[in-house]
Amino acid sequence: MVKIIPTTKVQQQIGSISASIGSTAYIVTNRGEGRIIMLPYFDGCDEWMADYMEDYEMAMNREALEKKYKESLKSGESDLVI
């Protein structure tokens, strides 16, 4: 289950949030806009977090990446031979 809570509530109720994090994930908002996702930790999740951060960076730079790869596509095939 996922709950949406404001940052002030996180500051006030961090103890109860950390106690329930195993069964509830949290989306923390600031002025109604999502800012943080709070998820339970487990050994081995580091690789998943690295993948998530890579996806996050691509989503934040989506327009620039699309422009770059559209230009690359327009330039045609490379003469690189392996």
Protein backbone atom coordinates (compact mmCIF):
# COMPACT_ATOMS: atom_id res chain seq x y z
CA MET A 1 0.00 0.00 0.00
CA VAL A 2 1.20 3.53 -0.75
CA LYS A 3 0.35 6.62 1.28
CA ILE A 4 0.82 10.21 0.21
CA ILE A 5 1.96 12.50 3.02
CA PRO A 6 3.34 16.05 3.27
CA THR A 7 6.87 16.77 4.48
CA THR A 8 5.60 18.31 7.71
CA LYS A 9 3.87 15.05 8.62
CA VAL A 10 7.10 13.13 7.95
CA GLN A 11 8.94 15.45 10.33
CA GLN A 12 6.27 15.04 13.00
CA GLN A 13 5.71 11.29 12.66
CA ILE A 14 9.05 9.83 11.53
CA GLY A 15 8.92 7.18 14.27
CA SER A 16 5.58 5.73 13.24
CA ILE A 17 6.50 5.99 9.57
CA SER A 18 9.71 4.03 10.07
CA ALA A 19 7.78 1.43 12.08
CA SER A 20 5.27 0.90 9.26
CA ILE A 21 7.65 1.17 6.29
CA GLY A 22 7.73 -2.63 5.88
CA SER A 23 4.06 -2.68 4.91
CA THR A 24 3.53 0.85 3.57
CA ALA A 25 5.50 2.90 1.07
CA TYR A 26 5.25 6.68 1.21
CA ILE A 27 5.24 9.42 -1.38
CA VAL A 28 6.30 12.62 0.35
CA THR A 29 4.94 15.86 -1.06
CA ASN A 30 5.96 19.48 -0.72
CA ARG A 31 3.19 21.94 -1.55
CA GLY A 32 1.25 19.15 -3.22
CA GLU A 33 4.08 18.09 -5.53
CA GLY A 34 5.77 14.70 -5.13
CA ARG A 35 9.36 14.98 -3.91
CA ILE A 36 10.49 11.75 -2.26
CA ILE A 37 9.58 8.09 -2.27
CA MET A 38 10.18 6.25 1.00
CA LEU A 39 10.58 2.49 0.61
CA PRO A 40 11.74 -0.30 2.92
CA TYR A 41 15.39 -1.30 2.71
CA PHE A 42 16.63 -4.85 2.18
CA ASP A 43 20.09 -6.29 1.54
CA GLY A 44 20.76 -6.35 -2.17
CA CYS A 45 18.48 -3.50 -3.21
CA ASP A 46 21.46 -1.30 -4.11
CA GLU A 47 21.46 -2.46 -7.73
CA TRP A 48 17.74 -1.71 -8.05
CA MET A 49 18.32 1.76 -6.61
CA ALA A 50 21.11 2.39 -9.13
CA ASP A 51 18.74 1.34 -11.94
CA TYR A 52 16.03 3.63 -10.54
CA MET A 53 18.42 6.59 -10.36
CA GLU A 54 19.46 5.99 -13.97
CA ASP A 55 15.78 5.91 -15.02
CA TYR A 56 15.17 9.08 -12.99
CA GLU A 57 18.03 10.92 -14.72
CA MET A 58 16.78 9.83 -18.15
CA ALA A 59 13.25 10.99 -17.30
CA MET A 60 14.54 14.37 -16.11
CA ASN A 61 16.59 14.78 -19.30
CA ARG A 62 14.07 13.24 -21.67
CA GLU A 63 13.73 16.21 -24.01
CA ALA A 64 17.49 16.63 -24.45
CA LEU A 65 17.97 12.89 -24.98
CA GLU A 66 15.17 12.72 -27.54
CA LYS A 67 16.66 15.67 -29.42
CA LYS A 68 20.14 14.15 -29.36
CA TYR A 69 19.01 10.76 -30.65
CA LYS A 70 16.70 12.25 -33.31
CA GLU A 71 19.70 14.17 -34.66
CA SER A 72 21.76 10.99 -34.53
CA LEU A 73 19.08 9.08 -36.40
CA LYS A 74 18.89 11.79 -39.09
CA SER A 75 22.65 11.67 -39.65
CA GLY A 76 22.36 8.15 -41.05
CA GLU A 77 24.48 5.07 -40.57
CA SER A 78 27.96 5.37 -39.18
CA ASP A 79 31.01 4.16 -41.07
CA LEU A 80 32.31 2.50 -37.91
CA VAL A 81 33.31 -1.11 -38.53
CA ILE A 82 33.94 -3.56 -35.71
